[in-house]
Amino acid sequence: MVNGEALATDATTLDSLCRELGFADAKIATALNGAFVPKTERITVSLTDGDAVEILSPRQGG
């Protein structure tokens, strides 16, 4: 699940999933199963079937 939607992927890490979805160079925040994952840890965080991933990008405005 990514942002509440089912997604089939071959990604094995959170970093590879972000790259697959086009967020390689984007400034984003990520969470796995409700826990914040800093950018520096995404490459070591493994994904398994049933994981819930949230990817958030900052918004501007006011």
Protein backbone atom coordinates (compact mmCIF):
# COMPACT_ATOMS: atom_id res chain seq x y z
CA MET A 1 0.00 0.00 0.00
CA VAL A 2 1.30 3.45 -0.92
CA ASN A 3 -0.65 6.44 0.36
CA GLY A 4 -3.66 4.20 0.93
CA GLU A 5 -3.67 2.60 -2.53
CA ALA A 6 -2.61 -0.92 -3.43
CA LEU A 7 0.56 -1.02 -5.51
CA ALA A 8 2.44 -3.94 -7.04
CA THR A 9 6.20 -3.36 -7.05
CA ASP A 10 9.48 -5.22 -7.26
CA ALA A 11 11.14 -2.69 -4.93
CA THR A 12 12.87 -4.30 -1.97
CA THR A 13 13.75 -1.14 -0.01
CA LEU A 14 11.95 2.09 0.74
CA ASP A 15 14.61 3.95 -1.24
CA SER A 16 14.10 1.80 -4.35
CA LEU A 17 10.33 2.29 -4.10
CA CYS A 18 10.74 6.07 -3.94
CA ARG A 19 13.01 5.94 -7.00
CA GLU A 20 10.56 3.70 -8.86
CA LEU A 21 7.76 6.19 -8.20
CA GLY A 22 9.82 9.15 -9.46
CA PHE A 23 10.80 10.64 -6.10
CA ALA A 24 14.56 10.03 -6.40
CA ASP A 25 15.54 13.69 -6.12
CA ALA A 26 12.38 15.05 -4.51
CA LYS A 27 12.23 16.46 -0.99
CA ILE A 28 9.75 14.12 0.65
CA ALA A 29 8.89 12.63 4.01
CA THR A 30 8.31 8.90 4.29
CA ALA A 31 6.70 6.57 6.79
CA LEU A 32 6.52 2.79 6.91
CA ASN A 33 3.67 1.21 8.85
CA GLY A 34 3.08 4.50 10.66
CA ALA A 35 6.71 5.11 11.67
CA PHE A 36 8.69 8.03 10.20
CA VAL A 37 11.70 6.94 8.13
CA PRO A 38 14.44 9.57 7.61
CA LYS A 39 15.98 9.89 4.15
CA THR A 40 19.31 8.52 5.41
CA GLU A 41 17.63 5.26 6.48
CA ARG A 42 15.46 4.59 3.41
CA ILE A 43 18.18 2.57 1.68
CA THR A 44 18.35 0.11 4.59
CA VAL A 45 14.61 -0.22 5.28
CA SER A 46 13.30 -3.41 3.68
CA LEU A 47 9.79 -3.75 2.31
CA THR A 48 7.57 -6.80 2.70
CA ASP A 49 4.11 -7.73 1.44
CA GLY A 50 1.42 -5.85 3.30
CA ASP A 51 3.57 -2.86 4.32
CA ALA A 52 1.85 0.52 4.40
CA VAL A 53 4.02 3.29 2.96
CA GLU A 54 3.22 7.00 3.14
CA ILE A 55 5.06 9.47 0.90
CA LEU A 56 4.43 13.14 1.55
CA SER A 57 5.77 16.18 -0.26
CA PRO A 58 5.84 19.67 1.24
CA ARG A 59 3.24 22.20 0.14
CA GLN A 60 3.61 25.93 -0.14
CA GLY A 61 1.01 28.53 0.35
CA GLY A 62 -0.82 30.18 3.12
